[in-house]
Amino acid sequence: MFFAWPVVAILLRGLRPEGAWDFSAFGEVVADPTMRRVLWFTIWESIASTVLCVLF
């Protein structure tokens, strides 16, 4: 809940900037190797932090 809702809200704002669906920004992020690396690190770090916080 504390992880999923903010991610979904950000994705919706990015994919529907003016009320219409626009996936071009997602394609730009996936096409750029640097952005893919940053995205993967961000997702990995958030999942690891969440798991560690729940366990300890």
PDB file of N, CA and C in Angstrom:
ATOM      1  N   MET A   1       0.824  -1.193   0.000  1.00  0.00           N
ATOM      2  CA  MET A   1       0.000   0.000   0.000  1.00  0.00           C
ATOM      3  C   MET A   1       0.870   1.259   0.000  1.00  0.00           C
ATOM      4  N   PHE A   2       1.843   1.328   0.907  1.00  0.00           N
ATOM      5  CA  PHE A   2       2.666   2.528   1.007  1.00  0.00           C
ATOM      6  C   PHE A   2       3.641   2.653  -0.154  1.00  0.00           C
ATOM      7  N   PHE A   3       3.897   1.561  -0.836  1.00  0.00           N
ATOM      8  CA  PHE A   3       4.776   1.585  -2.004  1.00  0.00           C
ATOM      9  C   PHE A   3       3.972   1.666  -3.291  1.00  0.00           C
ATOM     10  N   ALA A   4       2.945   0.844  -3.386  1.00  0.00           N
ATOM     11  CA  ALA A   4       2.207   0.713  -4.646  1.00  0.00           C
ATOM     12  C   ALA A   4       1.412   1.965  -4.994  1.00  0.00           C
ATOM     13  N   TRP A   5       0.700   2.553  -4.034  1.00  0.00           N
ATOM     14  CA  TRP A   5      -0.150   3.699  -4.362  1.00  0.00           C
ATOM     15  C   TRP A   5       0.641   4.886  -4.913  1.00  0.00           C
ATOM     16  N   PRO A   6       1.748   5.310  -4.297  1.00  0.00           N
ATOM     17  CA  PRO A   6       2.508   6.422  -4.879  1.00  0.00           C
ATOM     18  C   PRO A   6       3.048   6.106  -6.275  1.00  0.00           C
ATOM     19  N   VAL A   7       3.484   4.879  -6.487  1.00  0.00           N
ATOM     20  CA  VAL A   7       4.004   4.501  -7.807  1.00  0.00           C
ATOM     21  C   VAL A   7       2.896   4.572  -8.849  1.00  0.00           C
ATOM     22  N   VAL A   8       1.735   4.041  -8.524  1.00  0.00           N
ATOM     23  CA  VAL A   8       0.604   4.081  -9.462  1.00  0.00           C
ATOM     24  C   VAL A   8       0.188   5.520  -9.739  1.00  0.00           C
ATOM     25  N   ALA A   9       0.138   6.356  -8.717  1.00  0.00           N
ATOM     26  CA  ALA A   9      -0.252   7.752  -8.907  1.00  0.00           C
ATOM     27  C   ALA A   9       0.735   8.488  -9.813  1.00  0.00           C
ATOM     28  N   ILE A  10       2.014   8.250  -9.626  1.00  0.00           N
ATOM     29  CA  ILE A  10       3.027   8.895 -10.466  1.00  0.00           C
ATOM     30  C   ILE A  10       2.926   8.404 -11.904  1.00  0.00           C
ATOM     31  N   LEU A  11       2.742   7.097 -12.081  1.00  0.00           N
ATOM     32  CA  LEU A  11       2.603   6.554 -13.436  1.00  0.00           C
ATOM     33  C   LEU A  11       1.377   7.120 -14.143  1.00  0.00           C
ATOM     34  N   LEU A  12       0.272   7.224 -13.433  1.00  0.00           N
ATOM     35  CA  LEU A  12      -0.932   7.786 -14.053  1.00  0.00           C
ATOM     36  C   LEU A  12      -0.731   9.243 -14.457  1.00  0.00           C
ATOM     37  N   ARG A  13      -0.076  10.011 -13.624  1.00  0.00           N
ATOM     38  CA  ARG A  13       0.195  11.412 -13.988  1.00  0.00           C
ATOM     39  C   ARG A  13       1.116  11.505 -15.193  1.00  0.00           C
ATOM     40  N   GLY A  14       2.074  10.611 -15.270  1.00  0.00           N
ATOM     41  CA  GLY A  14       3.004  10.629 -16.393  1.00  0.00           C
ATOM     42  C   GLY A  14       2.403  10.123 -17.684  1.00  0.00           C
ATOM     43  N   LEU A  15       1.478   9.170 -17.585  1.00  0.00           N
ATOM     44  CA  LEU A  15       0.885   8.581 -18.780  1.00  0.00           C
ATOM     45  C   LEU A  15      -0.393   9.288 -19.224  1.00  0.00           C
ATOM     46  N   ARG A  16      -0.949  10.139 -18.368  1.00  0.00           N
ATOM     47  CA  ARG A  16      -2.153  10.889 -18.726  1.00  0.00           C
ATOM     48  C   ARG A  16      -1.953  12.364 -18.397  1.00  0.00           C
ATOM     49  N   PRO A  17      -1.015  13.032 -19.060  1.00  0.00           N
ATOM     50  CA  PRO A  17      -0.698  14.415 -18.684  1.00  0.00           C
ATOM     51  C   PRO A  17      -1.847  15.396 -18.908  1.00  0.00           C
ATOM     52  N   GLU A  18      -2.644  15.184 -19.929  1.00  0.00           N
ATOM     53  CA  GLU A  18      -3.750  16.106 -20.218  1.00  0.00           C
ATOM     54  C   GLU A  18      -5.075  15.362 -20.307  1.00  0.00           C
ATOM     55  N   GLY A  19      -5.186  14.255 -19.608  1.00  0.00           N
ATOM     56  CA  GLY A  19      -6.415  13.485 -19.602  1.00  0.00           C
ATOM     57  C   GLY A  19      -6.495  12.402 -20.658  1.00  0.00           C
ATOM     58  N   ALA A  20      -5.582  12.399 -21.612  1.00  0.00           N
ATOM     59  CA  ALA A  20      -5.557  11.371 -22.653  1.00  0.00           C
ATOM     60  C   ALA A  20      -4.318  10.503 -22.449  1.00  0.00           C
ATOM     61  N   TRP A  21      -4.458   9.222 -22.731  1.00  0.00           N
ATOM     62  CA  TRP A  21      -3.336   8.301 -22.558  1.00  0.00           C
ATOM     63  C   TRP A  21      -2.222   8.620 -23.547  1.00  0.00           C
ATOM     64  N   ASP A  22      -0.990   8.678 -23.048  1.00  0.00           N
ATOM     65  CA  ASP A  22       0.178   8.973 -23.878  1.00  0.00           C
ATOM     66  C   ASP A  22       1.347   8.123 -23.375  1.00  0.00           C
ATOM     67  N   PHE A  23       1.709   7.103 -24.149  1.00  0.00           N
ATOM     68  CA  PHE A  23       2.762   6.177 -23.742  1.00  0.00           C
ATOM     69  C   PHE A  23       4.121   6.521 -24.343  1.00  0.00           C
ATOM     70  N   SER A  24       4.242   7.655 -25.010  1.00  0.00           N
ATOM     71  CA  SER A  24       5.509   8.010 -25.649  1.00  0.00           C
ATOM     72  C   SER A  24       6.621   8.239 -24.620  1.00  0.00           C
ATOM     73  N   ALA A  25       6.286   8.801 -23.473  1.00  0.00           N
ATOM     74  CA  ALA A  25       7.301   9.039 -22.443  1.00  0.00           C
ATOM     75  C   ALA A  25       7.848   7.717 -21.909  1.00  0.00           C
ATOM     76  N   PHE A  26       6.990   6.723 -21.766  1.00  0.00           N
ATOM     77  CA  PHE A  26       7.428   5.407 -21.304  1.00  0.00           C
ATOM     78  C   PHE A  26       8.408   4.797 -22.299  1.00  0.00           C
ATOM     79  N   GLY A  27       8.128   4.949 -23.580  1.00  0.00           N
ATOM     80  CA  GLY A  27       9.022   4.439 -24.617  1.00  0.00           C
ATOM     81  C   GLY A  27      10.372   5.122 -24.588  1.00  0.00           C
ATOM     82  N   GLU A  28      10.382   6.419 -24.315  1.00  0.00           N
ATOM     83  CA  GLU A  28      11.646   7.158 -24.227  1.00  0.00           C
ATOM     84  C   GLU A  28      12.481   6.669 -23.048  1.00  0.00           C
ATOM     85  N   VAL A  29      11.839   6.408 -21.928  1.00  0.00           N
ATOM     86  CA  VAL A  29      12.557   5.931 -20.740  1.00  0.00           C
ATOM     87  C   VAL A  29      13.138   4.545 -20.990  1.00  0.00           C
ATOM     88  N   VAL A  30      12.354   3.661 -21.580  1.00  0.00           N
ATOM     89  CA  VAL A  30      12.809   2.294 -21.829  1.00  0.00           C
ATOM     90  C   VAL A  30      13.908   2.257 -22.890  1.00  0.00           C
ATOM     91  N   ALA A  31      13.885   3.184 -23.820  1.00  0.00           N
ATOM     92  CA  ALA A  31      14.873   3.193 -24.901  1.00  0.00           C
ATOM     93  C   ALA A  31      16.247   3.683 -24.442  1.00  0.00           C
ATOM     94  N   ASP A  32      16.296   4.464 -23.382  1.00  0.00           N
ATOM     95  CA  ASP A  32      17.555   5.050 -22.912  1.00  0.00           C
ATOM     96  C   ASP A  32      18.219   4.118 -21.892  1.00  0.00           C
ATOM     97  N   PRO A  33      19.433   3.617 -22.182  1.00  0.00           N
ATOM     98  CA  PRO A  33      20.100   2.685 -21.257  1.00  0.00           C
ATOM     99  C   PRO A  33      20.359   3.277 -19.872  1.00  0.00           C
ATOM    100  N   THR A  34      20.680   4.546 -19.806  1.00  0.00           N
ATOM    101  CA  THR A  34      20.927   5.179 -18.508  1.00  0.00           C
ATOM    102  C   THR A  34      19.649   5.218 -17.683  1.00  0.00           C
ATOM    103  N   MET A  35      18.545   5.565 -18.311  1.00  0.00           N
ATOM    104  CA  MET A  35      17.269   5.619 -17.602  1.00  0.00           C
ATOM    105  C   MET A  35      16.824   4.229 -17.154  1.00  0.00           C
ATOM    106  N   ARG A  36      17.089   3.220 -17.983  1.00  0.00           N
ATOM    107  CA  ARG A  36      16.753   1.846 -17.585  1.00  0.00           C
ATOM    108  C   ARG A  36      17.532   1.446 -16.343  1.00  0.00           C
ATOM    109  N   ARG A  37      18.810   1.801 -16.308  1.00  0.00           N
ATOM    110  CA  ARG A  37      19.650   1.476 -15.149  1.00  0.00           C
ATOM    111  C   ARG A  37      19.144   2.196 -13.894  1.00  0.00           C
ATOM    112  N   VAL A  38      18.801   3.460 -14.029  1.00  0.00           N
ATOM    113  CA  VAL A  38      18.280   4.227 -12.894  1.00  0.00           C
ATOM    114  C   VAL A  38      16.940   3.653 -12.432  1.00  0.00           C
ATOM    115  N   LEU A  39      16.076   3.322 -13.378  1.00  0.00           N
ATOM    116  CA  LEU A  39      14.774   2.751 -13.043  1.00  0.00           C
ATOM    117  C   LEU A  39      14.935   1.422 -12.313  1.00  0.00           C
ATOM    118  N   TRP A  40      15.802   0.552 -12.830  1.00  0.00           N
ATOM    119  CA  TRP A  40      16.034  -0.740 -12.181  1.00  0.00           C
ATOM    120  C   TRP A  40      16.591  -0.549 -10.776  1.00  0.00           C
ATOM    121  N   PHE A  41      17.558   0.341 -10.591  1.00  0.00           N
ATOM    122  CA  PHE A  41      18.135   0.575  -9.268  1.00  0.00           C
ATOM    123  C   PHE A  41      17.079   1.107  -8.304  1.00  0.00           C
ATOM    124  N   THR A  42      16.245   2.008  -8.774  1.00  0.00           N
ATOM    125  CA  THR A  42      15.202   2.584  -7.926  1.00  0.00           C
ATOM    126  C   THR A  42      14.212   1.521  -7.476  1.00  0.00           C
ATOM    127  N   ILE A  43      13.777   0.687  -8.400  1.00  0.00           N
ATOM    128  CA  ILE A  43      12.832  -0.375  -8.052  1.00  0.00           C
ATOM    129  C   ILE A  43      13.478  -1.367  -7.093  1.00  0.00           C
ATOM    130  N   TRP A  44      14.713  -1.782  -7.392  1.00  0.00           N
ATOM    131  CA  TRP A  44      15.414  -2.740  -6.542  1.00  0.00           C
ATOM    132  C   TRP A  44      15.611  -2.185  -5.131  1.00  0.00           C
ATOM    133  N   GLU A  45      16.043  -0.943  -5.041  1.00  0.00           N
ATOM    134  CA  GLU A  45      16.296  -0.336  -3.738  1.00  0.00           C
ATOM    135  C   GLU A  45      15.005  -0.188  -2.926  1.00  0.00           C
ATOM    136  N   SER A  46      13.929   0.195  -3.570  1.00  0.00           N
ATOM    137  CA  SER A  46      12.672   0.357  -2.839  1.00  0.00           C
ATOM    138  C   SER A  46      12.136  -0.983  -2.342  1.00  0.00           C
ATOM    139  N   ILE A  47      12.254  -2.015  -3.149  1.00  0.00           N
ATOM    140  CA  ILE A  47      11.808  -3.342  -2.713  1.00  0.00           C
ATOM    141  C   ILE A  47      12.680  -3.849  -1.571  1.00  0.00           C
ATOM    142  N   ALA A  48      13.989  -3.708  -1.696  1.00  0.00           N
ATOM    143  CA  ALA A  48      14.899  -4.152  -0.633  1.00  0.00           C
ATOM    144  C   ALA A  48      14.637  -3.391   0.664  1.00  0.00           C
ATOM    145  N   SER A  49      14.435  -2.094   0.583  1.00  0.00           N
ATOM    146  CA  SER A  49      14.160  -1.289   1.779  1.00  0.00           C
ATOM    147  C   SER A  49      12.851  -1.705   2.436  1.00  0.00           C
ATOM    148  N   THR A  50      11.838  -1.942   1.623  1.00  0.00           N
ATOM    149  CA  THR A  50      10.544  -2.360   2.163  1.00  0.00           C
ATOM    150  C   THR A  50      10.658  -3.699   2.874  1.00  0.00           C
ATOM    151  N   VAL A  51      11.339  -4.650   2.253  1.00  0.00           N
ATOM    152  CA  VAL A  51      11.503  -5.974   2.867  1.00  0.00           C
ATOM    153  C   VAL A  51      12.281  -5.860   4.173  1.00  0.00           C
ATOM    154  N   LEU A  52      13.359  -5.106   4.180  1.00  0.00           N
ATOM    155  CA  LEU A  52      14.148  -4.953   5.406  1.00  0.00           C
ATOM    156  C   LEU A  52      13.353  -4.272   6.514  1.00  0.00           C
ATOM    157  N   CYS A  53      12.564  -3.282   6.166  1.00  0.00           N
ATOM    158  CA  CYS A  53      11.747  -2.597   7.181  1.00  0.00           C
ATOM    159  C   CYS A  53      10.678  -3.525   7.754  1.00  0.00           C
ATOM    160  N   VAL A  54      10.090  -4.348   6.923  1.00  0.00           N
ATOM    161  CA  VAL A  54       9.064  -5.273   7.406  1.00  0.00           C
ATOM    162  C   VAL A  54       9.687  -6.349   8.295  1.00  0.00           C
ATOM    163  N   LEU A  55      10.869  -6.816   7.937  1.00  0.00           N
ATOM    164  CA  LEU A  55      11.513  -7.876   8.714  1.00  0.00           C
ATOM    165  C   LEU A  55      12.087  -7.384  10.037  1.00  0.00           C
ATOM    166  N   PHE A  56      12.552  -6.162  10.066  1.00  0.00           N
ATOM    167  CA  PHE A  56      13.200  -5.655  11.275  1.00  0.00           C
ATOM    168  C   PHE A  56      12.392  -4.529  11.806  1.00  0.00           C
TER     169      PHE A  56
END
